[in-house]
Amino acid sequence: MEFKVNSKELEKLLTKIIPAVPTRTPMSILENFLFEIKDGFLTIIATDLEISMKSSINIIADQDISIVVPAKLTHEVIRSLGDTTVNFIISENKKINLKTDNGEYLISYQNSEDYPEIPTFPTEEDDIKEVLINGSDLKNAFDITSFAMSKEEMRPAMMGTLLEFEEEGLRFVATDGHRLANLIKHTIKPEIEILEKYVIPEKAISVLQKILDEKEVKVYMSNTHISFKLNDIELITRLIGQKYPEYRSVIPLENEFELKVKTKELLSAIKRMMLFSTTSSTRRVKFSISENSLEISAEDVDMGNFGKEKIACTYDGTPIEIGFNSQYVNDVLSHLVAEEEIIFKLHSANKAVIIVPSVKSDKQNLMMLIMPVRLNN
């Protein structure tokens, strides 16, 4: 059988799908695309068994077929062709002949029987929840919070982002035990049961950050999977089954001292202090805070290097000296850089610190948290 397709249209589709193809896997079948031709549509599927992606394109074909083709080779060949028509001729000897006006390329394929089954979402079932979310809002929430996800496999629940549906809106939470990002999007108020919780793995979020745009996204949720349907692409991922930690219990309630500082000014100083905190395991930076005075310092004891800066601020509490991992502070500030000013809410040198924008927003409520590190006397 054979079919024709524009190379640029096919390249666009393959580029969106290929992030789901694993780079290293003991199951070699997963290093392929699944091509399914049915009723005049070519549907291309890729999976690493954690996430699956699929998209379709309209074609003219003389029969239906399902085959498995090498993902990287097919993608690279199509991408290199420029804008042209490609004629796929699929023979029974496990070969695909790709013909253009100027060239001919032979690629081997496999039968599709061994390709893993891709989960689907029959939306008519009772346990499937369906919501419509603006893609820009969803991408923004992931961009702000995903940095705080854990990379430690011993804490699988924390290797994802928690989505929690509440009366106020949709809450996004990510934490690795050292820092926490907590965002409520008031603009997202789906009409489903409140307090529904879903933990999405990091790989799915990483891919979504690349493909989400301003278009609406249909989100389907079951007890085990979640699906994101954009206009021309669907991403399906397994949910993390472990219970998400009780993050509210680590958010202090008594942080009565407030330090207000310019975000970009503090971030710039932190980046310089990171140059002097490279050898310590905690990459420690010290904040010395007194009335309207913030001194930031870092020391490389082994090399004898030291740096400190004073930054303009306002502060209404008792003097405090508190240590932080400079990388964690840098990460938090980098995701608050859209805010002109931020507020550090403190209590003591060994209590978690809350960081919030100084100006409240009607569209969202954002809070970051950092655990302090011990200072040596």
Protein backbone atom coordinates (compact mmCIF):
# COMPACT_ATOMS: atom_id res chain seq x y z
CA MET A 1 0.00 0.00 0.00
CA GLU A 2 1.06 3.64 -0.31
CA PHE A 3 0.16 7.15 0.73
CA LYS A 4 1.45 10.69 0.19
CA VAL A 5 2.07 13.43 2.72
CA ASN A 6 3.67 16.87 2.85
CA SER A 7 7.06 16.65 4.54
CA LYS A 8 6.63 19.87 6.55
CA GLU A 9 3.27 18.79 7.95
CA LEU A 10 4.65 15.39 8.87
CA GLU A 11 7.79 16.92 10.41
CA LYS A 12 5.66 19.18 12.61
CA LEU A 13 3.71 16.18 13.86
CA LEU A 14 6.77 13.98 14.46
CA THR A 15 8.57 16.78 16.31
CA LYS A 16 5.68 17.04 18.76
CA ILE A 17 5.47 13.28 19.29
CA ILE A 18 9.15 12.32 19.56
CA PRO A 19 9.64 13.55 23.19
CA ALA A 20 7.71 10.43 24.27
CA VAL A 21 10.28 8.14 22.60
CA PRO A 22 12.79 6.97 25.24
CA THR A 23 16.48 7.55 24.50
CA ARG A 24 17.53 4.43 26.40
CA THR A 25 15.28 1.49 27.14
CA PRO A 26 15.59 -2.29 27.52
CA MET A 27 12.47 -2.56 25.31
CA SER A 28 13.75 -1.74 21.85
CA ILE A 29 10.20 -1.66 20.45
CA LEU A 30 9.69 1.63 22.32
CA GLU A 31 12.37 3.33 20.19
CA ASN A 32 9.85 3.35 17.34
CA PHE A 33 6.79 5.23 16.20
CA LEU A 34 3.56 3.33 15.75
CA PHE A 35 1.98 4.31 12.42
CA GLU A 36 -1.73 3.51 12.22
CA ILE A 37 -3.56 4.25 8.98
CA LYS A 38 -7.33 4.02 9.20
CA ASP A 39 -10.21 5.73 7.42
CA GLY A 40 -7.97 8.26 5.69
CA PHE A 41 -6.04 9.29 8.80
CA LEU A 42 -2.43 8.59 9.72
CA THR A 43 -2.17 8.43 13.52
CA ILE A 44 1.35 8.40 14.94
CA ILE A 45 1.93 7.18 18.49
CA ALA A 46 4.99 7.16 20.76
CA THR A 47 5.41 5.98 24.35
CA ASP A 48 8.00 5.24 27.02
CA LEU A 49 5.33 3.44 29.11
CA GLU A 50 5.14 6.43 31.47
CA ILE A 51 3.76 8.90 28.97
CA SER A 52 2.19 8.35 25.56
CA MET A 53 1.68 10.87 22.78
CA LYS A 54 -0.34 10.63 19.62
CA SER A 55 -1.42 12.89 16.80
CA SER A 56 -3.16 12.44 13.46
CA ILE A 57 -2.94 13.84 9.96
CA ASN A 58 -5.33 13.47 7.05
CA ILE A 59 -3.95 11.45 4.12
CA ILE A 60 -5.13 9.62 1.03
CA ALA A 61 -4.46 5.90 1.43
CA ASP A 62 -5.75 2.88 -0.43
CA GLN A 63 -6.02 0.62 2.64
CA ASP A 64 -5.63 0.47 6.43
CA ILE A 65 -2.40 -0.73 8.03
CA SER A 66 -0.52 -0.64 11.35
CA ILE A 67 3.30 -0.77 11.44
CA VAL A 68 6.22 0.20 13.68
CA VAL A 69 8.95 2.44 12.22
CA PRO A 70 12.28 3.64 13.72
CA ALA A 71 11.52 6.98 15.38
CA LYS A 72 14.84 8.80 15.25
CA LEU A 73 15.72 7.79 11.67
CA THR A 74 12.26 8.59 10.32
CA HIS A 75 12.19 11.96 12.08
CA GLU A 76 15.66 12.93 10.87
CA VAL A 77 14.96 11.91 7.27
CA ILE A 78 11.68 13.81 7.09
CA ARG A 79 13.20 16.87 8.78
CA SER A 80 16.05 16.98 6.27
CA LEU A 81 13.83 16.99 3.17
CA GLY A 82 12.64 20.58 3.23
CA ASP A 83 9.17 21.31 1.87
CA THR A 84 8.17 18.55 -0.53
CA THR A 85 5.72 15.70 -1.10
CA VAL A 86 6.80 12.31 0.24
CA ASN A 87 5.34 9.13 -1.17
CA PHE A 88 5.39 6.24 1.33
CA ILE A 89 5.33 2.85 -0.38
CA ILE A 90 4.90 0.04 2.17
CA SER A 91 5.81 -3.40 0.88
CA GLU A 92 5.23 -6.82 2.41
CA ASN A 93 8.98 -7.47 2.81
CA LYS A 94 9.15 -5.16 5.88
CA LYS A 95 10.48 -2.18 3.90
CA ILE A 96 9.13 1.34 3.42
CA ASN A 97 10.24 3.18 0.30
CA LEU A 98 10.13 6.96 0.76
CA LYS A 99 10.17 8.72 -2.59
CA THR A 100 10.44 12.42 -3.39
CA ASP A 101 11.06 14.25 -6.65
CA ASN A 102 14.80 14.11 -6.00
CA GLY A 103 15.46 11.07 -3.84
CA GLU A 104 14.53 7.63 -2.61
CA TYR A 105 15.07 6.21 0.89
CA LEU A 106 14.50 2.69 2.20
CA ILE A 107 13.55 2.17 5.87
CA SER A 108 12.80 -1.13 7.58
CA TYR A 109 9.63 -1.54 9.64
CA GLN A 110 8.21 -4.08 12.09
CA ASN A 111 4.77 -5.50 12.67
CA SER A 112 2.73 -3.71 15.34
CA GLU A 113 1.69 -6.74 17.42
CA ASP A 114 4.48 -6.25 19.98
CA TYR A 115 3.90 -2.52 20.45
CA PRO A 116 2.44 -1.79 23.92
CA GLU A 117 -1.23 -0.96 24.29
CA ILE A 118 -1.89 2.75 24.66
CA PRO A 119 -4.47 3.70 27.33
CA THR A 120 -7.55 5.55 26.15
CA PHE A 121 -10.15 7.58 27.99
CA PRO A 122 -13.77 6.54 27.37
CA THR A 123 -15.30 9.81 28.62
CA GLU A 124 -18.74 8.29 29.08
CA GLU A 125 -17.57 6.20 32.06
CA ASP A 126 -18.51 7.41 35.55
CA ASP A 127 -14.99 7.60 36.99
CA ILE A 128 -13.65 9.86 34.22
CA LYS A 129 -13.53 13.58 35.04
CA GLU A 130 -13.37 16.12 32.21
CA VAL A 131 -12.29 19.77 32.48
CA LEU A 132 -11.41 22.53 30.02
CA ILE A 133 -8.33 24.64 30.87
CA ASN A 134 -6.68 27.50 29.04
CA GLY A 135 -3.31 26.25 27.79
CA SER A 136 -1.46 29.45 28.70
CA ASP A 137 -2.72 29.29 32.30
CA LEU A 138 -1.68 25.65 32.57
CA LYS A 139 1.76 26.26 31.08
CA ASN A 140 2.33 29.26 33.34
CA ALA A 141 1.46 27.22 36.43
CA PHE A 142 3.85 24.42 35.46
CA ASP A 143 6.60 26.94 34.59
CA ILE A 144 6.34 28.56 38.02
CA THR A 145 6.14 25.42 40.17
CA SER A 146 7.82 22.47 38.44
CA PHE A 147 11.37 23.40 39.47
CA ALA A 148 10.63 22.30 43.04
CA MET A 149 9.83 18.66 42.17
CA SER A 150 12.07 16.08 43.80
CA LYS A 151 14.59 14.08 41.77
CA GLU A 152 15.05 11.43 44.47
CA GLU A 153 13.54 8.09 43.44
CA MET A 154 13.14 7.16 47.10
CA ARG A 155 10.33 9.76 47.23
CA PRO A 156 8.23 8.87 44.18
CA ALA A 157 5.19 10.98 45.12
CA MET A 158 7.38 14.09 45.28
CA MET A 159 8.77 13.39 41.79
CA GLY A 160 5.62 14.96 40.39
CA THR A 161 3.36 17.98 40.72
CA LEU A 162 0.13 17.82 42.70
CA LEU A 163 -3.04 19.15 41.08
CA GLU A 164 -5.71 19.81 43.67
CA PHE A 165 -9.17 21.09 42.73
CA GLU A 166 -10.53 23.52 45.33
CA GLU A 167 -13.29 26.12 45.63
CA GLU A 168 -10.72 28.89 45.11
CA GLY A 169 -9.45 27.35 41.89
CA LEU A 170 -6.85 24.80 40.81
CA ARG A 171 -3.85 24.40 43.13
CA PHE A 172 -0.40 23.31 41.89
CA VAL A 173 2.11 22.05 44.47
CA ALA A 174 5.68 20.83 44.00
CA THR A 175 8.26 20.11 46.69
CA ASP A 176 11.48 18.19 47.27
CA GLY A 177 11.47 18.64 51.05
CA HIS A 178 13.90 21.58 50.88
CA ARG A 179 11.75 24.04 48.94
CA LEU A 180 8.10 24.20 48.04
CA ALA A 181 6.09 25.97 45.34
CA ASN A 182 2.38 26.45 46.03
CA LEU A 183 0.19 28.19 43.43
CA ILE A 184 -3.58 28.58 43.18
CA LYS A 185 -4.91 29.66 39.79
CA HIS A 186 -8.20 31.45 40.50
CA THR A 187 -8.81 31.62 36.75
CA ILE A 188 -9.18 27.82 36.60
CA LYS A 189 -12.41 26.76 38.31
CA PRO A 190 -13.56 23.52 36.71
CA GLU A 191 -16.96 22.25 37.76
CA ILE A 192 -15.87 18.96 39.29
CA GLU A 193 -15.75 17.69 42.85
CA ILE A 194 -13.47 19.79 44.99
CA LEU A 195 -10.50 18.21 46.75
CA GLU A 196 -9.90 15.87 43.82
CA LYS A 197 -6.12 15.25 43.72
CA TYR A 198 -3.84 14.07 40.93
CA VAL A 199 -0.03 13.75 40.95
CA ILE A 200 1.47 14.19 37.48
CA PRO A 201 5.00 12.86 36.87
CA GLU A 202 7.85 15.17 35.89
CA LYS A 203 8.31 13.75 32.39
CA ALA A 204 4.74 14.61 31.39
CA ILE A 205 5.03 18.13 32.78
CA SER A 206 8.32 18.70 30.97
CA VAL A 207 6.73 17.75 27.65
CA LEU A 208 3.59 19.80 28.32
CA GLN A 209 5.69 22.90 28.98
CA LYS A 210 7.02 22.59 25.43
CA ILE A 211 3.74 22.01 23.60
CA LEU A 212 1.13 24.04 25.50
CA ASP A 213 0.02 27.33 23.95
CA GLU A 214 -2.90 29.75 24.34
CA LYS A 215 -5.45 27.24 23.02
CA GLU A 216 -7.90 25.45 25.30
CA VAL A 217 -6.88 22.02 26.59
CA LYS A 218 -9.31 19.22 27.35
CA VAL A 219 -8.13 17.31 30.39
CA TYR A 220 -9.50 13.84 31.16
CA MET A 221 -8.75 12.25 34.54
CA SER A 222 -9.24 8.71 35.81
CA ASN A 223 -7.97 7.06 38.96
CA THR A 224 -4.79 5.95 37.19
CA HIS A 225 -4.23 8.20 34.14
CA ILE A 226 -4.61 11.77 32.96
CA SER A 227 -4.97 12.92 29.35
CA PHE A 228 -4.27 16.34 27.85
CA LYS A 229 -5.89 16.95 24.46
CA LEU A 230 -4.69 19.92 22.45
CA ASN A 231 -5.98 20.70 18.97
CA ASP A 232 -3.81 18.22 17.13
CA ILE A 233 -2.10 16.20 19.84
CA GLU A 234 -2.92 14.09 22.88
CA LEU A 235 -0.61 13.33 25.79
CA ILE A 236 -1.56 10.51 28.16
CA THR A 237 0.39 9.76 31.32
CA ARG A 238 0.12 7.45 34.25
CA LEU A 239 -0.53 9.26 37.52
CA ILE A 240 1.86 8.74 40.42
CA GLY A 241 -0.02 6.32 42.66
CA GLN A 242 1.61 7.17 45.99
CA LYS A 243 -0.11 9.63 48.32
CA TYR A 244 1.30 13.13 48.13
CA PRO A 245 2.86 14.33 51.42
CA GLU A 246 0.87 16.60 53.71
CA TYR A 247 2.53 19.77 52.48
CA ARG A 248 0.31 22.07 54.53
CA SER A 249 1.87 20.76 57.74
CA VAL A 250 5.27 22.27 56.86
CA ILE A 251 3.91 25.75 56.11
CA PRO A 252 4.55 27.81 59.28
CA LEU A 253 1.77 29.95 60.68
CA GLU A 254 3.77 32.13 63.07
CA ASN A 255 6.16 33.89 60.65
CA GLU A 256 5.49 37.40 61.87
CA PHE A 257 8.62 39.23 60.59
CA GLU A 258 8.53 40.60 57.05
CA LEU A 259 11.50 41.45 54.84
CA LYS A 260 10.60 43.30 51.63
CA VAL A 261 13.21 43.45 48.87
CA LYS A 262 13.52 44.06 45.12
CA THR A 263 13.43 40.68 43.38
CA LYS A 264 15.95 41.29 40.59
CA GLU A 265 18.38 43.07 42.92
CA LEU A 266 18.38 40.14 45.35
CA LEU A 267 18.62 37.57 42.56
CA SER A 268 21.63 39.34 41.07
CA ALA A 269 23.39 39.37 44.45
CA ILE A 270 22.58 35.68 45.06
CA LYS A 271 24.13 34.73 41.71
CA ARG A 272 27.37 36.46 42.75
CA MET A 273 27.33 34.82 46.18
CA MET A 274 26.95 31.43 44.50
CA LEU A 275 30.48 31.91 43.15
CA PHE A 276 31.73 31.82 46.75
CA SER A 277 29.65 28.86 47.96
CA THR A 278 30.67 26.14 45.53
CA THR A 279 32.61 23.79 47.82
CA SER A 280 30.13 23.45 50.69
CA SER A 281 27.63 20.60 50.40
CA THR A 282 24.84 23.02 51.35
CA ARG A 283 26.17 25.83 49.09
CA ARG A 284 25.42 28.07 52.06
CA VAL A 285 24.65 31.76 51.83
CA LYS A 286 24.00 33.82 54.97
CA PHE A 287 21.34 36.51 55.34
CA SER A 288 22.09 38.98 58.13
CA ILE A 289 18.87 40.94 58.62
CA SER A 290 18.32 43.93 60.86
CA GLU A 291 16.21 47.10 60.66
CA ASN A 292 16.10 48.08 56.97
CA SER A 293 19.40 46.27 56.35
CA LEU A 294 20.07 43.02 54.51
CA GLU A 295 23.64 41.75 54.20
CA ILE A 296 24.22 38.64 52.10
CA SER A 297 27.49 36.75 52.41
CA ALA A 298 29.11 33.49 51.37
CA GLU A 299 32.46 31.93 52.17
CA ASP A 300 34.61 29.24 50.56
CA VAL A 301 36.53 28.13 53.64
CA ASP A 302 38.74 25.66 51.76
CA MET A 303 39.95 28.22 49.23
CA GLY A 304 39.83 31.26 51.50
CA ASN A 305 37.38 33.16 49.28
CA PHE A 306 34.64 35.40 50.65
CA GLY A 307 31.96 37.73 49.32
CA LYS A 308 29.32 39.96 50.84
CA GLU A 309 26.84 42.60 49.69
CA LYS A 310 24.32 44.92 51.27
CA ILE A 311 20.91 45.32 49.69
CA ALA A 312 18.24 47.94 50.29
CA CYS A 313 15.18 46.52 52.02
CA THR A 314 12.48 47.16 54.58
CA TYR A 315 12.24 44.93 57.66
CA ASP A 316 10.00 45.10 60.71
CA GLY A 317 11.29 42.30 62.93
CA THR A 318 14.05 41.46 65.39
CA PRO A 319 17.56 40.94 63.94
CA ILE A 320 18.10 37.47 62.44
CA GLU A 321 21.03 35.63 60.91
CA ILE A 322 19.77 32.77 58.75
CA GLY A 323 21.43 30.43 56.25
CA PHE A 324 20.08 29.06 52.97
CA ASN A 325 21.24 26.82 50.18
CA SER A 326 22.14 29.45 47.58
CA GLN A 327 20.99 27.25 44.70
CA TYR A 328 17.55 26.87 46.24
CA VAL A 329 17.24 30.63 46.76
CA ASN A 330 18.35 31.20 43.19
CA ASP A 331 15.73 28.73 41.90
CA VAL A 332 12.91 30.36 43.86
CA LEU A 333 13.86 33.92 42.89
CA SER A 334 14.26 32.94 39.24
CA HIS A 335 10.62 31.86 39.25
CA LEU A 336 9.50 35.06 40.98
CA VAL A 337 11.39 37.39 38.65
CA ALA A 338 8.12 38.70 37.16
CA GLU A 339 7.41 40.26 40.58
CA GLU A 340 9.04 43.63 41.21
CA GLU A 341 9.16 43.11 44.97
CA ILE A 342 8.84 40.06 47.20
CA ILE A 343 8.35 39.51 50.90
CA PHE A 344 10.27 37.02 53.06
CA LYS A 345 8.16 35.99 56.07
CA LEU A 346 10.45 34.80 58.88
CA HIS A 347 10.27 33.69 62.48
CA SER A 348 13.70 32.37 63.51
CA ALA A 349 16.93 30.95 62.08
CA ASN A 350 15.69 27.35 62.13
CA LYS A 351 12.12 27.80 60.86
CA ALA A 352 10.96 27.52 57.26
CA VAL A 353 10.73 30.84 55.42
CA ILE A 354 7.76 31.85 53.28
CA ILE A 355 8.30 33.99 50.18
CA VAL A 356 5.39 35.75 48.46
CA PRO A 357 4.91 38.58 45.96
CA SER A 358 4.45 41.94 47.67
CA VAL A 359 1.48 42.77 45.44
CA LYS A 360 -1.46 40.37 45.55
CA SER A 361 -3.05 39.22 42.30
CA ASP A 362 -6.73 38.59 41.59
CA LYS A 363 -5.80 35.83 39.14
CA GLN A 364 -3.54 33.73 41.34
CA ASN A 365 -2.11 33.22 44.81
CA LEU A 366 1.57 32.24 44.82
CA MET A 367 3.68 31.15 47.77
CA MET A 368 7.20 29.72 47.91
CA LEU A 369 8.88 28.12 50.90
CA ILE A 370 12.56 27.43 51.66
CA MET A 371 14.00 25.44 54.56
CA PRO A 372 17.03 27.11 56.18
CA VAL A 373 20.43 25.47 56.64
CA ARG A 374 22.52 25.56 59.80
CA LEU A 375 25.08 28.33 60.18
CA ASN A 376 28.47 27.52 61.69
CA ASN A 377 29.46 29.76 64.55
